[in-house]
N, C-alpha and C. Protein backbone atom coordinates (compact mmCIF):
# COMPACT_ATOMS: atom_id res chain seq x y z
N MET A 1 -8.68 17.27 -38.65
CA MET A 1 -8.91 17.67 -37.35
C MET A 1 -9.74 17.19 -35.73
N LYS A 2 -10.70 17.14 -35.79
CA LYS A 2 -11.36 16.49 -34.72
C LYS A 2 -10.33 15.83 -34.22
N ASN A 3 -9.57 14.62 -34.74
CA ASN A 3 -8.50 13.65 -34.49
C ASN A 3 -8.19 14.34 -33.79
N ASP A 4 -7.49 15.15 -34.10
CA ASP A 4 -6.48 15.84 -33.34
C ASP A 4 -7.31 16.00 -31.76
N LEU A 5 -8.16 17.13 -31.71
CA LEU A 5 -9.08 17.64 -30.54
C LEU A 5 -8.84 16.52 -29.70
N ASP A 6 -9.58 14.63 -30.26
CA ASP A 6 -9.93 13.84 -29.17
C ASP A 6 -8.79 13.34 -28.78
N GLY A 7 -7.28 13.23 -29.85
CA GLY A 7 -6.33 13.06 -28.87
C GLY A 7 -5.91 13.61 -28.15
N GLU A 8 -5.90 14.82 -28.18
CA GLU A 8 -5.21 15.58 -27.25
C GLU A 8 -5.99 15.79 -25.72
N ASN A 9 -7.31 15.55 -26.12
CA ASN A 9 -8.12 15.66 -24.52
C ASN A 9 -8.15 13.79 -23.98
N PHE A 10 -7.33 13.15 -25.07
CA PHE A 10 -7.48 11.81 -24.51
C PHE A 10 -6.07 12.21 -23.21
N ILE A 11 -4.78 11.94 -24.09
CA ILE A 11 -3.61 12.66 -23.95
C ILE A 11 -3.88 12.87 -22.67
N ARG A 12 -4.55 14.46 -21.82
CA ARG A 12 -5.06 15.54 -21.18
C ARG A 12 -6.09 14.40 -20.02
N THR A 13 -6.65 13.74 -20.53
CA THR A 13 -7.42 12.94 -19.70
C THR A 13 -6.21 12.01 -18.79
N VAL A 14 -5.90 11.40 -19.69
CA VAL A 14 -4.58 10.17 -18.45
C VAL A 14 -4.10 10.78 -17.80
N LEU A 15 -3.38 11.95 -18.63
CA LEU A 15 -2.06 12.41 -17.63
C LEU A 15 -2.75 13.08 -16.21
N MET A 16 -3.93 13.39 -16.79
CA MET A 16 -5.15 14.27 -15.31
C MET A 16 -5.17 12.51 -14.21
N THR A 17 -5.73 12.05 -14.99
CA THR A 17 -5.92 10.76 -14.03
C THR A 17 -5.34 10.42 -13.30
N SER A 18 -3.67 10.30 -14.00
CA SER A 18 -2.80 9.19 -13.74
C SER A 18 -1.77 10.03 -12.63
N VAL A 19 -1.88 11.57 -13.08
CA VAL A 19 -1.43 12.71 -11.46
C VAL A 19 -2.86 12.31 -10.52
N VAL A 20 -4.19 12.01 -10.54
CA VAL A 20 -5.22 12.42 -9.43
C VAL A 20 -4.73 10.94 -8.83
N ILE A 21 -4.57 9.35 -9.22
CA ILE A 21 -4.08 8.09 -8.61
C ILE A 21 -2.75 8.27 -8.03
N ILE A 22 -2.10 9.02 -8.17
CA ILE A 22 -1.18 9.32 -7.54
C ILE A 22 -0.87 10.51 -6.32
N LEU A 23 -1.24 11.42 -6.33
CA LEU A 23 -1.88 12.03 -5.22
C LEU A 23 -2.57 11.36 -4.14
N GLU A 24 -3.58 10.10 -4.82
CA GLU A 24 -4.27 9.36 -3.80
C GLU A 24 -3.47 8.82 -3.18
N LEU A 25 -2.32 8.12 -3.81
CA LEU A 25 -1.84 6.90 -3.23
C LEU A 25 -0.42 7.53 -2.43
N ILE A 26 -0.21 8.90 -2.22
CA ILE A 26 0.80 9.66 -1.65
C ILE A 26 -0.40 9.82 -0.31
N ARG A 27 -1.73 9.87 -0.72
CA ARG A 27 -2.11 10.88 -0.25
C ARG A 27 -2.64 9.40 1.58
N VAL A 28 -2.84 8.28 0.71
CA VAL A 28 -3.25 7.29 1.58
C VAL A 28 -1.81 6.60 2.22
N LEU A 29 -0.67 6.67 1.53
CA LEU A 29 0.44 6.19 2.26
C LEU A 29 0.43 7.15 3.64
N ILE A 30 0.81 8.58 3.56
CA ILE A 30 0.76 9.78 4.43
C ILE A 30 -0.01 8.88 6.02
N ILE A 31 -1.60 8.86 5.16
CA ILE A 31 -2.93 8.07 6.42
C ILE A 31 -1.99 6.80 7.13
N MET A 32 -1.34 5.81 6.51
CA MET A 32 -0.94 4.39 6.61
C MET A 32 0.06 5.46 7.77
N ALA A 33 1.09 6.00 7.43
CA ALA A 33 1.81 6.14 8.40
C ALA A 33 1.36 6.49 9.60
N ILE A 34 0.91 7.55 9.61
CA ILE A 34 0.53 8.27 10.89
C ILE A 34 -0.11 6.73 11.83
N VAL A 35 -1.14 6.43 10.93
CA VAL A 35 -2.12 5.12 12.18
C VAL A 35 -0.80 4.06 12.50
N VAL A 36 -0.01 3.69 11.56
CA VAL A 36 1.22 3.23 11.43
C VAL A 36 1.85 3.06 12.95
N GLY A 37 2.14 4.67 12.65
CA GLY A 37 3.09 5.17 14.14
C GLY A 37 2.29 5.72 15.43
N ILE A 38 1.06 6.62 15.66
CA ILE A 38 0.24 5.97 16.52
C ILE A 38 0.35 4.52 16.66
N LEU A 39 -0.45 3.69 16.34
CA LEU A 39 -0.39 1.63 16.95
C LEU A 39 1.06 1.37 17.30
N GLY A 40 2.17 1.77 16.73
CA GLY A 40 3.48 1.74 17.59
C GLY A 40 3.88 2.61 18.70
N TYR A 41 3.73 3.81 18.64
CA TYR A 41 3.73 4.65 19.75
C TYR A 41 2.64 3.84 21.17
N PHE A 42 1.82 3.46 20.87
CA PHE A 42 1.04 2.46 22.00
C PHE A 42 1.51 1.37 22.12
N VAL A 43 1.98 0.65 21.40
CA VAL A 43 2.54 -0.41 21.34
C VAL A 43 4.33 0.10 22.47
N GLY A 44 5.21 0.47 22.15
CA GLY A 44 5.83 1.10 22.52
C GLY A 44 6.17 0.93 24.22
N GLU A 45 4.61 1.98 24.07
CA GLU A 45 4.03 1.65 25.41
C GLU A 45 4.23 1.16 26.80
N VAL A 46 3.20 0.05 25.68
CA VAL A 46 2.21 -0.77 26.36
C VAL A 46 3.95 -1.69 27.00
N TYR A 47 5.12 -1.89 26.22
CA TYR A 47 6.12 -2.73 26.04
C TYR A 47 7.18 -2.25 26.48
N VAL A 48 7.65 -1.01 27.10
CA VAL A 48 8.01 0.08 28.14
C VAL A 48 7.19 -0.23 29.31
N LYS A 49 6.18 -0.02 29.34
CA LYS A 49 5.84 -0.60 30.58
C LYS A 49 6.01 -2.21 31.18
N ILE A 50 5.54 -3.45 30.46
CA ILE A 50 5.50 -4.28 30.38
C ILE A 50 7.50 -4.84 30.80
N SER A 51 7.83 -4.16 30.14
CA SER A 51 9.23 -4.45 29.82
C SER A 51 9.97 -4.07 31.22
N THR A 52 9.59 -3.29 32.09
CA THR A 52 9.87 -2.66 33.52
C THR A 52 9.39 -3.67 34.67
N ASP A 53 8.09 -3.99 34.34
CA ASP A 53 7.79 -5.01 35.53
C ASP A 53 7.82 -6.71 34.90
N ILE A 54 9.08 -6.76 34.47
CA ILE A 54 9.38 -8.31 34.13
C ILE A 54 8.97 -9.27 34.79
N ASP A 55 9.04 -9.70 35.60
CA ASP A 55 8.79 -10.70 37.14
C ASP A 55 7.31 -10.95 37.19
N ARG A 56 6.33 -9.99 36.66
CA ARG A 56 5.05 -10.30 36.62
C ARG A 56 4.45 -10.57 35.75
N TYR A 57 5.19 -9.91 34.41
CA TYR A 57 4.59 -9.93 33.15
C TYR A 57 5.16 -10.55 31.76
N SER A 58 6.17 -11.76 32.26
CA SER A 58 7.49 -12.26 31.82
C SER A 58 6.85 -12.89 30.25
N TRP A 59 5.90 -13.44 30.50
CA TRP A 59 5.49 -13.85 29.08
C TRP A 59 4.39 -12.91 28.56
N MET A 60 4.16 -12.37 28.67
CA MET A 60 4.06 -10.42 28.32
C MET A 60 4.80 -10.29 26.93
N THR A 61 5.64 -9.88 27.83
CA THR A 61 6.97 -9.22 27.19
C THR A 61 8.02 -10.07 25.65
N TYR A 62 7.12 -12.00 26.31
CA TYR A 62 8.15 -12.66 25.61
C TYR A 62 6.58 -12.88 23.39
N ILE A 63 6.04 -12.76 24.80
CA ILE A 63 4.49 -12.49 23.44
C ILE A 63 5.09 -10.55 22.53
N ALA A 64 5.56 -9.93 22.90
CA ALA A 64 6.02 -8.77 22.38
C ALA A 64 6.64 -9.05 21.92
N ILE A 65 7.81 -9.00 22.32
CA ILE A 65 9.08 -9.96 21.30
C ILE A 65 8.53 -10.83 20.11
N ILE A 66 8.44 -11.90 20.49
CA ILE A 66 8.32 -12.45 19.06
C ILE A 66 7.49 -11.72 18.08
N ALA A 67 6.39 -10.65 18.48
CA ALA A 67 5.19 -9.76 17.93
C ALA A 67 6.41 -8.25 17.15
N ILE A 68 6.93 -8.33 17.48
CA ILE A 68 7.59 -7.12 17.18
C ILE A 68 9.10 -8.13 15.77
């Protein structure tokens, strides 16, 4: 009887641990998406400002195109 209870507790522990790990991964992915979105927004703004003034900043435009 004791072995059955230990087995149930072990299975429950494994399930809870896997659920927590999955939730943590989802949370990290959401945070990464937000950070990448914010960085992408700022990079896009800089890229638009540079590309509207290509004559003065043509070399920076080429670097931005290569980086993207």
